[in-house]
Amino acid sequence: MKEEKQLIEAALFISGRDMSLKELRTLTGIGALGYLRGVVDELRKDYDERKSALEIMEANGKYSIKVRNEYIGRVKEFAQDTEISRSALRTLAYLSKHDGMLKSNLVKRLGSGVYQDVKELTASEFVKQQKAGRTSRLILTDKFKKYFSQE
């Protein structure tokens, strides 16, 4: 369950938007929505118990990660726009778990909207494409690893 919680936490953090259980199911591969809801609830509990400056929020069946209200006033000046769109961030979060995935498989999992996301991620140099037959293999770049501290 630890890896599942970490993946959900990363997705909520990087997406910057509310995510449904169905989106989290696609990301994690967990089919049982009840079990997945339990994983998210466990993550929420972790944040509450350690009195984190962040919290996992739920509204209308969607989850997000937010700065707690008592810290907003002091940190809001540091908020920045991201280099890439939210949709591309969602795709990037998925790719971070499936490095080297074929673009055709990504389209099957996330839908045809990923073509634009991949184009944007390639242009921003977070992902590179290697020809693999009639499709491309999507590989995370060193820029991605440095930007998200994986190196």
Protein backbone atom coordinates (compact mmCIF):
# COMPACT_ATOMS: atom_id res chain seq x y z
CA MET A 1 0.00 0.00 0.00
CA LYS A 2 2.95 2.34 0.62
CA GLU A 3 3.86 2.63 -3.07
CA GLU A 4 0.21 3.19 -4.01
CA LYS A 5 -0.09 6.02 -1.46
CA GLN A 6 3.11 7.61 -2.73
CA LEU A 7 1.94 7.43 -6.33
CA ILE A 8 -1.43 9.00 -5.43
CA GLU A 9 0.33 11.68 -3.39
CA ALA A 10 2.64 12.50 -6.32
CA ALA A 11 -0.28 12.65 -8.76
CA LEU A 12 -2.33 14.94 -6.52
CA PHE A 13 0.67 17.18 -5.94
CA ILE A 14 1.78 17.48 -9.55
CA SER A 15 -1.68 17.77 -11.09
CA GLY A 16 -2.64 20.85 -9.11
CA ARG A 17 -6.31 20.02 -9.62
CA ASP A 18 -9.04 17.78 -8.27
CA MET A 19 -8.74 14.15 -9.35
CA SER A 20 -11.51 11.57 -9.37
CA LEU A 21 -11.17 8.02 -8.11
CA LYS A 22 -11.49 6.86 -11.72
CA GLU A 23 -8.43 8.91 -12.68
CA LEU A 24 -6.53 7.54 -9.68
CA ARG A 25 -7.63 4.04 -10.69
CA THR A 26 -6.16 4.57 -14.16
CA LEU A 27 -2.95 5.86 -12.61
CA THR A 28 -2.49 3.10 -10.03
CA GLY A 29 -4.10 0.18 -11.81
CA ILE A 30 -6.19 -0.55 -8.69
CA GLY A 31 -9.56 -1.78 -9.95
CA ALA A 32 -11.55 -1.76 -6.70
CA LEU A 33 -12.78 1.78 -6.04
CA GLY A 34 -13.54 0.95 -2.39
CA TYR A 35 -9.98 -0.19 -1.79
CA LEU A 36 -8.65 2.86 -3.65
CA ARG A 37 -10.82 5.17 -1.52
CA GLY A 38 -9.31 3.47 1.55
CA VAL A 39 -5.79 4.17 0.27
CA VAL A 40 -6.66 7.86 -0.23
CA ASP A 41 -8.25 8.01 3.23
CA GLU A 42 -5.10 6.47 4.72
CA LEU A 43 -3.03 9.15 2.97
CA ARG A 44 -5.33 11.87 4.35
CA LYS A 45 -4.89 10.40 7.83
CA ASP A 46 -1.09 10.42 7.42
CA TYR A 47 -1.16 14.15 6.62
CA ASP A 48 -3.43 14.89 9.58
CA GLU A 49 -1.42 12.83 12.08
CA ARG A 50 1.90 14.47 11.26
CA LYS A 51 0.25 17.91 11.28
CA SER A 52 1.55 18.65 7.79
CA ALA A 53 1.22 22.11 6.22
CA LEU A 54 -0.57 20.27 3.40
CA GLU A 55 -3.84 18.40 3.45
CA ILE A 56 -5.74 16.05 1.17
CA MET A 57 -9.19 17.47 0.43
CA GLU A 58 -12.27 15.71 -0.93
CA ALA A 59 -15.11 17.53 -2.66
CA ASN A 60 -17.81 16.01 -4.85
CA GLY A 61 -15.94 12.70 -5.06
CA LYS A 62 -12.68 14.31 -6.22
CA TYR A 63 -9.44 14.66 -4.31
CA SER A 64 -6.77 17.35 -4.25
CA ILE A 65 -3.76 18.35 -2.20
CA LYS A 66 -3.79 21.87 -0.79
CA VAL A 67 -1.84 24.08 1.58
CA ARG A 68 -3.71 24.36 4.87
CA ASN A 69 -5.51 27.67 5.33
CA GLU A 70 -3.33 28.78 8.24
CA TYR A 71 -0.24 28.76 5.94
CA ILE A 72 -1.70 30.27 2.76
CA GLY A 73 -1.16 33.92 3.72
CA ARG A 74 2.50 33.35 4.47
CA VAL A 75 3.42 31.29 1.39
CA LYS A 76 1.14 32.45 -1.45
CA GLU A 77 3.74 34.89 -2.80
CA PHE A 78 5.91 31.91 -3.73
CA ALA A 79 3.29 30.28 -5.98
CA GLN A 80 4.35 30.03 -9.61
CA ASP A 81 2.83 29.05 -12.91
CA THR A 82 4.02 25.68 -14.13
CA GLU A 83 6.08 25.20 -17.26
CA ILE A 84 3.49 22.88 -18.77
CA SER A 85 -0.30 22.54 -18.81
CA ARG A 86 -2.20 20.62 -16.19
CA SER A 87 -3.23 18.01 -18.71
CA ALA A 88 0.40 17.44 -19.66
CA LEU A 89 1.31 17.23 -15.95
CA ARG A 90 -1.28 14.49 -15.54
CA THR A 91 0.22 12.58 -18.44
CA LEU A 92 3.72 13.18 -17.08
CA ALA A 93 2.68 11.81 -13.67
CA TYR A 94 1.47 8.64 -15.38
CA LEU A 95 4.66 8.38 -17.42
CA SER A 96 6.77 8.81 -14.29
CA LYS A 97 5.42 5.45 -13.15
CA HIS A 98 5.65 3.87 -16.63
CA ASP A 99 8.94 5.14 -18.07
CA GLY A 100 9.62 3.68 -21.52
CA MET A 101 5.93 3.13 -22.29
CA LEU A 102 4.78 3.00 -25.90
CA LYS A 103 2.75 6.02 -26.96
CA SER A 104 0.08 3.71 -28.40
CA ASN A 105 -0.36 2.07 -24.98
CA LEU A 106 -0.52 5.48 -23.30
CA VAL A 107 -3.33 6.48 -25.68
CA LYS A 108 -5.21 3.27 -24.81
CA ARG A 109 -4.91 4.05 -21.07
CA LEU A 110 -5.51 7.83 -21.03
CA GLY A 111 -7.24 8.64 -24.31
CA SER A 112 -6.35 10.49 -27.50
CA GLY A 113 -5.81 13.79 -25.67
CA VAL A 114 -2.34 12.57 -24.76
CA TYR A 115 -1.07 13.25 -28.28
CA GLN A 116 -1.08 16.99 -27.52
CA ASP A 117 0.34 16.33 -24.05
CA VAL A 118 3.22 14.27 -25.49
CA LYS A 119 3.94 17.00 -28.02
CA GLU A 120 4.07 19.55 -25.17
CA LEU A 121 6.19 17.29 -22.94
CA THR A 122 8.62 16.66 -25.78
CA ALA A 123 8.87 20.39 -26.55
CA SER A 124 9.55 21.14 -22.87
CA GLU A 125 12.17 18.35 -22.89
CA PHE A 126 10.64 16.34 -20.04
CA VAL A 127 10.10 13.38 -22.40
CA LYS A 128 11.90 12.15 -25.49
CA GLN A 129 10.44 9.89 -28.14
CA GLN A 130 12.23 6.97 -29.75
CA LYS A 131 10.74 5.38 -32.84
CA ALA A 132 9.40 1.89 -32.05
CA GLY A 133 7.77 0.45 -35.15
CA ARG A 134 4.64 2.45 -36.00
CA THR A 135 4.61 4.19 -32.62
CA SER A 136 7.13 5.79 -30.26
CA ARG A 137 8.62 4.82 -26.94
CA LEU A 138 8.29 7.63 -24.38
CA ILE A 139 11.35 8.04 -22.18
CA LEU A 140 11.81 10.45 -19.29
CA THR A 141 14.75 12.81 -19.77
CA ASP A 142 17.47 14.00 -17.43
CA LYS A 143 15.61 17.32 -17.23
CA PHE A 144 12.59 15.49 -15.82
CA LYS A 145 14.76 13.65 -13.29
CA LYS A 146 16.47 16.83 -12.13
CA TYR A 147 13.26 18.90 -12.08
CA PHE A 148 11.48 16.30 -9.96
CA SER A 149 14.58 15.33 -7.92
CA GLN A 150 14.90 11.74 -9.04
CA GLU A 151 18.62 11.93 -9.66
